[in-house]
Amino acid sequence: MRNENINKFFECLGYEFQNENLITEALTHKSYTRDYNNERLEFLGDAVLDLVVGEFLFEEFKDSEEGTLSKLRAALVNETSFTKLANEINLGDYIYLSPAEEHNNGRHKPSILSNAFEAVMGAMYLEAGLDKVKEISLKLIFNVYKEINPDNLLKDYKTTLQEITQAHFGCTPDYVLLSASGPDHKKEFEIGVSINNKIYSKAKGHSKKVAQQNAAKDAISVLKKELKL
């Protein structure tokens, strides 16, 4: 059994479970031959992490609009992000898997790692409460993401759009300031994405950079339909 060194996992996690049955359930993939698996705890952990990250972003970015906060949360609460957090604590070494799933490199599959991480957080919530999940999960997030801000987390939209325009048009997109309104402390900017002198999308934000990201995302959607990507 892979979990003989569970204390090493607790050390990486920064929390020692007292309820052995609870952590065992959290680490049990559905392929493993037991009467239970971690899917229910995964469901709970997903909801808890959504709340923890949402509260953190709400407090951290007091001037950000709802749309930006939603995008930031989506950038942190997803399979890719949770896989990174799982790898930070070597979670794959401790999951109970069937021989077939083990043979199929299951310990490195993003879906299995992400789900197990959610399950562990769900188990921690049941045993120690929301504050402990908040402490542990945010610590891991800060370790994995050196900078948590819109420019860093949302940069993929602009990068992705540039890759598409270079491949299909041989150029890079231009971001055009269409308008700026509101008082100095609460400006709202409207940015248009121009490709070969044609505006493909328009979007607003409380900073030019956020508006650019929003416009880039919308332009990607338009181009995917137009180019059938």
C-alpha atoms as a PDB file:
ATOM      1  CA  MET A   1       0.000   0.000   0.000  1.00  0.00           C
ATOM      2  CA  ARG A   2       1.375   3.383  -1.038  1.00  0.00           C
ATOM      3  CA  ASN A   3       0.256   5.233   2.097  1.00  0.00           C
ATOM      4  CA  GLU A   4       2.719   3.759   4.591  1.00  0.00           C
ATOM      5  CA  ASN A   5       4.457   7.155   4.714  1.00  0.00           C
ATOM      6  CA  ILE A   6       1.288   9.156   5.265  1.00  0.00           C
ATOM      7  CA  ASN A   7       3.102  11.280   7.843  1.00  0.00           C
ATOM      8  CA  LYS A   8       5.251  12.655   5.016  1.00  0.00           C
ATOM      9  CA  PHE A   9       2.053  13.733   3.285  1.00  0.00           C
ATOM     10  CA  PHE A  10       0.817  15.443   6.444  1.00  0.00           C
ATOM     11  CA  GLU A  11       4.142  17.258   6.648  1.00  0.00           C
ATOM     12  CA  CYS A  12       3.866  18.464   3.051  1.00  0.00           C
ATOM     13  CA  LEU A  13       0.238  19.425   3.581  1.00  0.00           C
ATOM     14  CA  GLY A  14       0.908  21.297   6.795  1.00  0.00           C
ATOM     15  CA  TYR A  15      -1.913  19.544   8.614  1.00  0.00           C
ATOM     16  CA  GLU A  16      -2.180  16.194  10.390  1.00  0.00           C
ATOM     17  CA  PHE A  17      -5.538  14.463  10.124  1.00  0.00           C
ATOM     18  CA  GLN A  18      -6.845  12.874  13.311  1.00  0.00           C
ATOM     19  CA  ASN A  19      -9.647  10.933  11.622  1.00  0.00           C
ATOM     20  CA  GLU A  20      -7.889   8.168   9.681  1.00  0.00           C
ATOM     21  CA  ASN A  21     -11.072   7.042   7.960  1.00  0.00           C
ATOM     22  CA  LEU A  22     -11.751  10.534   6.668  1.00  0.00           C
ATOM     23  CA  ILE A  23      -8.356  11.075   5.045  1.00  0.00           C
ATOM     24  CA  THR A  24      -8.394   7.527   3.669  1.00  0.00           C
ATOM     25  CA  GLU A  25     -11.705   8.240   1.977  1.00  0.00           C
ATOM     26  CA  ALA A  26     -10.332  11.492   0.574  1.00  0.00           C
ATOM     27  CA  LEU A  27      -7.375   9.656  -0.957  1.00  0.00           C
ATOM     28  CA  THR A  28      -9.408   6.791  -2.450  1.00  0.00           C
ATOM     29  CA  HIS A  29     -10.042   7.023  -6.184  1.00  0.00           C
ATOM     30  CA  LYS A  30     -13.198   5.433  -7.539  1.00  0.00           C
ATOM     31  CA  SER A  31     -11.128   2.802  -9.371  1.00  0.00           C
ATOM     32  CA  TYR A  32      -9.873   1.345  -6.084  1.00  0.00           C
ATOM     33  CA  THR A  33     -11.704  -1.705  -4.707  1.00  0.00           C
ATOM     34  CA  ARG A  34     -13.411  -0.216  -1.682  1.00  0.00           C
ATOM     35  CA  ASP A  35     -17.046   0.412  -0.774  1.00  0.00           C
ATOM     36  CA  TYR A  36     -16.379   4.151  -0.847  1.00  0.00           C
ATOM     37  CA  ASN A  37     -14.394   6.725  -2.831  1.00  0.00           C
ATOM     38  CA  ASN A  38     -13.539  10.408  -2.671  1.00  0.00           C
ATOM     39  CA  GLU A  39     -16.228  11.768  -5.004  1.00  0.00           C
ATOM     40  CA  ARG A  40     -18.535  13.076  -2.245  1.00  0.00           C
ATOM     41  CA  LEU A  41     -15.642  14.800  -0.473  1.00  0.00           C
ATOM     42  CA  GLU A  42     -14.522  16.166  -3.843  1.00  0.00           C
ATOM     43  CA  PHE A  43     -17.961  17.754  -4.262  1.00  0.00           C
ATOM     44  CA  LEU A  44     -17.719  19.354  -0.836  1.00  0.00           C
ATOM     45  CA  GLY A  45     -14.136  20.498  -1.296  1.00  0.00           C
ATOM     46  CA  ASP A  46     -14.952  22.185  -4.593  1.00  0.00           C
ATOM     47  CA  ALA A  47     -17.640  24.278  -2.892  1.00  0.00           C
ATOM     48  CA  VAL A  48     -15.379  25.145   0.054  1.00  0.00           C
ATOM     49  CA  LEU A  49     -12.473  26.185  -2.187  1.00  0.00           C
ATOM     50  CA  ASP A  50     -14.810  28.267  -4.312  1.00  0.00           C
ATOM     51  CA  LEU A  51     -15.825  30.154  -1.173  1.00  0.00           C
ATOM     52  CA  VAL A  52     -12.279  30.503   0.196  1.00  0.00           C
ATOM     53  CA  VAL A  53     -10.860  31.837  -3.062  1.00  0.00           C
ATOM     54  CA  GLY A  54     -13.891  34.047  -3.685  1.00  0.00           C
ATOM     55  CA  GLU A  55     -13.588  35.632  -0.237  1.00  0.00           C
ATOM     56  CA  PHE A  56      -9.850  36.163  -0.658  1.00  0.00           C
ATOM     57  CA  LEU A  57     -10.303  37.881  -4.027  1.00  0.00           C
ATOM     58  CA  PHE A  58     -13.179  39.993  -2.683  1.00  0.00           C
ATOM     59  CA  GLU A  59     -10.969  41.305   0.127  1.00  0.00           C
ATOM     60  CA  GLU A  60      -7.764  41.578  -1.923  1.00  0.00           C
ATOM     61  CA  PHE A  61      -9.151  43.425  -4.939  1.00  0.00           C
ATOM     62  CA  LYS A  62     -11.604  45.902  -3.440  1.00  0.00           C
ATOM     63  CA  ASP A  63     -11.807  48.029  -6.587  1.00  0.00           C
ATOM     64  CA  SER A  64     -12.353  45.171  -9.033  1.00  0.00           C
ATOM     65  CA  GLU A  65     -15.710  44.658 -10.660  1.00  0.00           C
ATOM     66  CA  GLU A  66     -17.692  41.436 -10.415  1.00  0.00           C
ATOM     67  CA  GLY A  67     -16.671  40.284 -13.885  1.00  0.00           C
ATOM     68  CA  THR A  68     -12.975  40.601 -13.102  1.00  0.00           C
ATOM     69  CA  LEU A  69     -13.364  38.805  -9.761  1.00  0.00           C
ATOM     70  CA  SER A  70     -15.200  35.981 -11.498  1.00  0.00           C
ATOM     71  CA  LYS A  71     -12.416  35.619 -14.061  1.00  0.00           C
ATOM     72  CA  LEU A  72      -9.771  35.624 -11.332  1.00  0.00           C
ATOM     73  CA  ARG A  73     -11.641  32.977  -9.380  1.00  0.00           C
ATOM     74  CA  ALA A  74     -12.040  30.873 -12.506  1.00  0.00           C
ATOM     75  CA  ALA A  75      -8.275  31.129 -13.055  1.00  0.00           C
ATOM     76  CA  LEU A  76      -7.612  29.734  -9.570  1.00  0.00           C
ATOM     77  CA  VAL A  77     -10.515  27.318  -9.081  1.00  0.00           C
ATOM     78  CA  ASN A  78     -10.099  24.815 -11.893  1.00  0.00           C
ATOM     79  CA  GLU A  79      -8.496  21.499 -12.732  1.00  0.00           C
ATOM     80  CA  THR A  80      -5.203  22.975 -13.908  1.00  0.00           C
ATOM     81  CA  SER A  81      -4.794  25.089 -10.790  1.00  0.00           C
ATOM     82  CA  PHE A  82      -5.759  22.309  -8.379  1.00  0.00           C
ATOM     83  CA  THR A  83      -3.357  19.949 -10.141  1.00  0.00           C
ATOM     84  CA  LYS A  84      -0.541  22.417  -9.463  1.00  0.00           C
ATOM     85  CA  LEU A  85      -1.562  22.609  -5.798  1.00  0.00           C
ATOM     86  CA  ALA A  86      -1.740  18.809  -5.604  1.00  0.00           C
ATOM     87  CA  ASN A  87       1.769  18.501  -7.035  1.00  0.00           C
ATOM     88  CA  GLU A  88       3.009  21.058  -4.509  1.00  0.00           C
ATOM     89  CA  ILE A  89       2.190  18.552  -1.725  1.00  0.00           C
ATOM     90  CA  ASN A  90       3.123  15.417  -3.720  1.00  0.00           C
ATOM     91  CA  LEU A  91      -0.477  14.259  -3.461  1.00  0.00           C
ATOM     92  CA  GLY A  92      -0.151  11.761  -6.298  1.00  0.00           C
ATOM     93  CA  ASP A  93       2.120   9.567  -4.189  1.00  0.00           C
ATOM     94  CA  TYR A  94      -0.638   8.890  -1.669  1.00  0.00           C
ATOM     95  CA  ILE A  95      -3.766   8.245  -3.722  1.00  0.00           C
ATOM     96  CA  TYR A  96      -5.290   4.750  -3.628  1.00  0.00           C
ATOM     97  CA  LEU A  97      -5.661   3.566  -7.239  1.00  0.00           C
ATOM     98  CA  SER A  98      -6.577   0.340  -8.991  1.00  0.00           C
ATOM     99  CA  PRO A  99      -3.705  -1.558 -10.663  1.00  0.00           C
ATOM    100  CA  ALA A 100      -5.147  -0.619 -14.054  1.00  0.00           C
ATOM    101  CA  GLU A 101      -5.237   3.076 -13.228  1.00  0.00           C
ATOM    102  CA  GLU A 102      -1.762   2.815 -11.755  1.00  0.00           C
ATOM    103  CA  HIS A 103      -0.567   1.277 -15.013  1.00  0.00           C
ATOM    104  CA  ASN A 104      -2.226   4.123 -16.945  1.00  0.00           C
ATOM    105  CA  ASN A 105      -0.115   6.702 -15.104  1.00  0.00           C
ATOM    106  CA  GLY A 106      -3.073   7.693 -12.944  1.00  0.00           C
ATOM    107  CA  ARG A 107      -0.910   9.342 -10.302  1.00  0.00           C
ATOM    108  CA  HIS A 108      -0.040  12.042 -12.809  1.00  0.00           C
ATOM    109  CA  LYS A 109      -3.464  12.559 -14.405  1.00  0.00           C
ATOM    110  CA  PRO A 110      -4.726  16.113 -13.844  1.00  0.00           C
ATOM    111  CA  SER A 111      -8.310  14.958 -13.308  1.00  0.00           C
ATOM    112  CA  ILE A 112      -7.346  12.481 -10.575  1.00  0.00           C
ATOM    113  CA  LEU A 113      -4.952  14.880  -8.858  1.00  0.00           C
ATOM    114  CA  SER A 114      -7.390  17.783  -8.993  1.00  0.00           C
ATOM    115  CA  ASN A 115     -10.278  15.727  -7.658  1.00  0.00           C
ATOM    116  CA  ALA A 116      -8.150  14.288  -4.860  1.00  0.00           C
ATOM    117  CA  PHE A 117      -7.023  17.761  -3.833  1.00  0.00           C
ATOM    118  CA  GLU A 118     -10.632  18.923  -3.617  1.00  0.00           C
ATOM    119  CA  ALA A 119     -11.468  15.815  -1.580  1.00  0.00           C
ATOM    120  CA  VAL A 120      -8.636  16.448   0.876  1.00  0.00           C
ATOM    121  CA  MET A 121      -9.830  20.020   1.359  1.00  0.00           C
ATOM    122  CA  GLY A 122     -13.377  18.743   1.854  1.00  0.00           C
ATOM    123  CA  ALA A 123     -12.141  16.299   4.482  1.00  0.00           C
ATOM    124  CA  MET A 124     -10.147  19.041   6.193  1.00  0.00           C
ATOM    125  CA  TYR A 125     -13.248  21.222   6.276  1.00  0.00           C
ATOM    126  CA  LEU A 126     -15.228  18.471   8.027  1.00  0.00           C
ATOM    127  CA  GLU A 127     -12.491  17.784  10.564  1.00  0.00           C
ATOM    128  CA  ALA A 128     -11.035  21.225  11.275  1.00  0.00           C
ATOM    129  CA  GLY A 129     -13.399  23.816   9.799  1.00  0.00           C
ATOM    130  CA  LEU A 130     -13.272  26.576   7.222  1.00  0.00           C
ATOM    131  CA  ASP A 131     -10.475  28.605   8.818  1.00  0.00           C
ATOM    132  CA  LYS A 132      -8.034  25.703   8.578  1.00  0.00           C
ATOM    133  CA  VAL A 133      -8.898  25.088   4.916  1.00  0.00           C
ATOM    134  CA  LYS A 134      -8.431  28.798   4.287  1.00  0.00           C
ATOM    135  CA  GLU A 135      -5.029  28.791   6.006  1.00  0.00           C
ATOM    136  CA  ILE A 136      -3.701  25.723   4.194  1.00  0.00           C
ATOM    137  CA  SER A 137      -5.176  26.330   0.738  1.00  0.00           C
ATOM    138  CA  LEU A 138      -4.153  29.992   0.532  1.00  0.00           C
ATOM    139  CA  LYS A 139      -0.638  29.125   1.682  1.00  0.00           C
ATOM    140  CA  LEU A 140      -0.385  26.611  -1.161  1.00  0.00           C
ATOM    141  CA  ILE A 141      -1.830  29.092  -3.651  1.00  0.00           C
ATOM    142  CA  PHE A 142       0.737  31.704  -2.612  1.00  0.00           C
ATOM    143  CA  ASN A 143       3.510  29.114  -3.028  1.00  0.00           C
ATOM    144  CA  VAL A 144       2.385  28.152  -6.524  1.00  0.00           C
ATOM    145  CA  TYR A 145       1.321  31.581  -7.789  1.00  0.00           C
ATOM    146  CA  LYS A 146       4.030  34.087  -6.958  1.00  0.00           C
ATOM    147  CA  GLU A 147       1.855  36.983  -8.122  1.00  0.00           C
ATOM    148  CA  ILE A 148      -1.914  36.952  -7.766  1.00  0.00           C
ATOM    149  CA  ASN A 149      -3.232  39.844  -9.823  1.00  0.00           C
ATOM    150  CA  PRO A 150      -5.304  40.378 -12.976  1.00  0.00           C
ATOM    151  CA  ASP A 151      -2.264  41.014 -15.178  1.00  0.00           C
ATOM    152  CA  ASN A 152      -0.658  37.732 -14.175  1.00  0.00           C
ATOM    153  CA  LEU A 153      -3.647  35.407 -13.938  1.00  0.00           C
ATOM    154  CA  LEU A 154      -5.565  36.713 -16.939  1.00  0.00           C
ATOM    155  CA  LYS A 155      -2.659  37.160 -19.320  1.00  0.00           C
ATOM    156  CA  ASP A 156      -3.507  33.987 -21.238  1.00  0.00           C
ATOM    157  CA  TYR A 157      -6.326  35.682 -23.158  1.00  0.00           C
ATOM    158  CA  LYS A 158      -3.990  38.202 -24.762  1.00  0.00           C
ATOM    159  CA  THR A 159      -1.328  35.562 -25.372  1.00  0.00           C
ATOM    160  CA  THR A 160      -3.847  33.173 -26.924  1.00  0.00           C
ATOM    161  CA  LEU A 161      -5.304  35.897 -29.142  1.00  0.00           C
ATOM    162  CA  GLN A 162      -1.860  36.900 -30.383  1.00  0.00           C
ATOM    163  CA  GLU A 163      -1.071  33.288 -31.261  1.00  0.00           C
ATOM    164  CA  ILE A 164      -4.304  33.027 -33.253  1.00  0.00           C
ATOM    165  CA  THR A 165      -3.811  36.301 -35.150  1.00  0.00           C
ATOM    166  CA  GLN A 166      -0.200  35.549 -35.991  1.00  0.00           C
ATOM    167  CA  ALA A 167      -1.118  32.108 -37.289  1.00  0.00           C
ATOM    168  CA  HIS A 168      -4.130  33.156 -39.353  1.00  0.00           C
ATOM    169  CA  PHE A 169      -3.528  36.820 -40.227  1.00  0.00           C
ATOM    170  CA  GLY A 170       0.241  37.211 -39.932  1.00  0.00           C
ATOM    171  CA  CYS A 171      -0.121  40.127 -37.531  1.00  0.00           C
ATOM    172  CA  THR A 172      -0.661  40.991 -33.897  1.00  0.00           C
ATOM    173  CA  PRO A 173      -3.857  42.562 -32.528  1.00  0.00           C
ATOM    174  CA  ASP A 174      -4.062  46.230 -31.627  1.00  0.00           C
ATOM    175  CA  TYR A 175      -5.845  47.393 -28.474  1.00  0.00           C
ATOM    176  CA  VAL A 176      -7.648  50.675 -29.063  1.00  0.00           C
ATOM    177  CA  LEU A 177      -8.927  52.903 -26.258  1.00  0.00           C
ATOM    178  CA  LEU A 178     -12.492  53.745 -27.287  1.00  0.00           C
ATOM    179  CA  SER A 179     -13.612  55.648 -24.209  1.00  0.00           C
ATOM    180  CA  ALA A 180     -12.868  56.485 -20.589  1.00  0.00           C
ATOM    181  CA  SER A 181     -15.578  57.575 -18.173  1.00  0.00           C
ATOM    182  CA  GLY A 182     -16.237  58.105 -14.491  1.00  0.00           C
ATOM    183  CA  PRO A 183     -14.365  59.943 -11.728  1.00  0.00           C
ATOM    184  CA  ASP A 184     -10.613  59.517 -11.353  1.00  0.00           C
ATOM    185  CA  HIS A 185     -10.949  57.093  -8.448  1.00  0.00           C
ATOM    186  CA  LYS A 186     -13.410  54.898 -10.344  1.00  0.00           C
ATOM    187  CA  LYS A 187     -12.576  55.129 -14.034  1.00  0.00           C
ATOM    188  CA  GLU A 188     -14.087  52.749 -16.539  1.00  0.00           C
ATOM    189  CA  PHE A 189     -12.275  52.125 -19.805  1.00  0.00           C
ATOM    190  CA  GLU A 190     -13.622  50.667 -23.032  1.00  0.00           C
ATOM    191  CA  ILE A 191     -11.093  48.889 -25.224  1.00  0.00           C
ATOM    192  CA  GLY A 192     -11.543  47.576 -28.744  1.00  0.00           C
ATOM    193  CA  VAL A 193      -9.514  44.787 -30.342  1.00  0.00           C
ATOM    194  CA  SER A 194      -8.468  45.684 -33.883  1.00  0.00           C
ATOM    195  CA  ILE A 195      -7.067  43.118 -36.314  1.00  0.00           C
ATOM    196  CA  ASN A 196      -6.042  44.421 -39.732  1.00  0.00           C
ATOM    197  CA  ASN A 197      -7.955  47.635 -38.995  1.00  0.00           C
ATOM    198  CA  LYS A 198     -11.175  45.776 -38.190  1.00  0.00           C
ATOM    199  CA  ILE A 199     -12.691  45.900 -34.690  1.00  0.00           C
ATOM    200  CA  TYR A 200     -13.492  42.371 -33.565  1.00  0.00           C
ATOM    201  CA  SER A 201     -14.623  43.056 -30.005  1.00  0.00           C
ATOM    202  CA  LYS A 202     -15.170  45.733 -27.375  1.00  0.00           C
ATOM    203  CA  ALA A 203     -15.053  45.379 -23.599  1.00  0.00           C
ATOM    204  CA  LYS A 204     -14.908  47.479 -20.456  1.00  0.00           C
ATOM    205  CA  GLY A 205     -12.910  47.362 -17.236  1.00  0.00           C
ATOM    206  CA  HIS A 206     -11.800  49.516 -14.318  1.00  0.00           C
ATOM    207  CA  SER A 207      -8.276  49.534 -15.709  1.00  0.00           C
ATOM    208  CA  LYS A 208      -6.986  49.509 -19.270  1.00  0.00           C
ATOM    209  CA  LYS A 209      -5.247  46.182 -18.738  1.00  0.00           C
ATOM    210  CA  VAL A 210      -8.363  44.458 -17.418  1.00  0.00           C
ATOM    211  CA  ALA A 211     -10.416  45.902 -20.273  1.00  0.00           C
ATOM    212  CA  GLN A 212      -7.815  44.584 -22.726  1.00  0.00           C
ATOM    213  CA  GLN A 213      -8.070  41.105 -21.219  1.00  0.00           C
ATOM    214  CA  ASN A 214     -11.853  41.190 -21.429  1.00  0.00           C
ATOM    215  CA  ALA A 215     -11.730  42.366 -25.032  1.00  0.00           C
ATOM    216  CA  ALA A 216      -9.146  39.730 -25.945  1.00  0.00           C
ATOM    217  CA  LYS A 217     -11.358  36.983 -24.515  1.00  0.00           C
ATOM    218  CA  ASP A 218     -14.341  38.199 -26.542  1.00  0.00           C
ATOM    219  CA  ALA A 219     -12.216  38.459 -29.685  1.00  0.00           C
ATOM    220  CA  ILE A 220     -11.073  34.863 -29.237  1.00  0.00           C
ATOM    221  CA  SER A 221     -14.706  33.728 -29.163  1.00  0.00           C
ATOM    222  CA  VAL A 222     -15.477  35.668 -32.340  1.00  0.00           C
ATOM    223  CA  LEU A 223     -12.430  34.294 -34.177  1.00  0.00           C
ATOM    224  CA  LYS A 224     -13.142  30.715 -33.120  1.00  0.00           C
ATOM    225  CA  LYS A 225     -16.543  30.946 -34.785  1.00  0.00           C
ATOM    226  CA  GLU A 226     -15.272  32.844 -37.816  1.00  0.00           C
ATOM    227  CA  LEU A 227     -12.257  30.591 -38.404  1.00  0.00           C
ATOM    228  CA  LYS A 228     -14.009  27.433 -37.169  1.00  0.00           C
ATOM    229  CA  LEU A 229     -11.205  26.706 -34.700  1.00  0.00           C
END
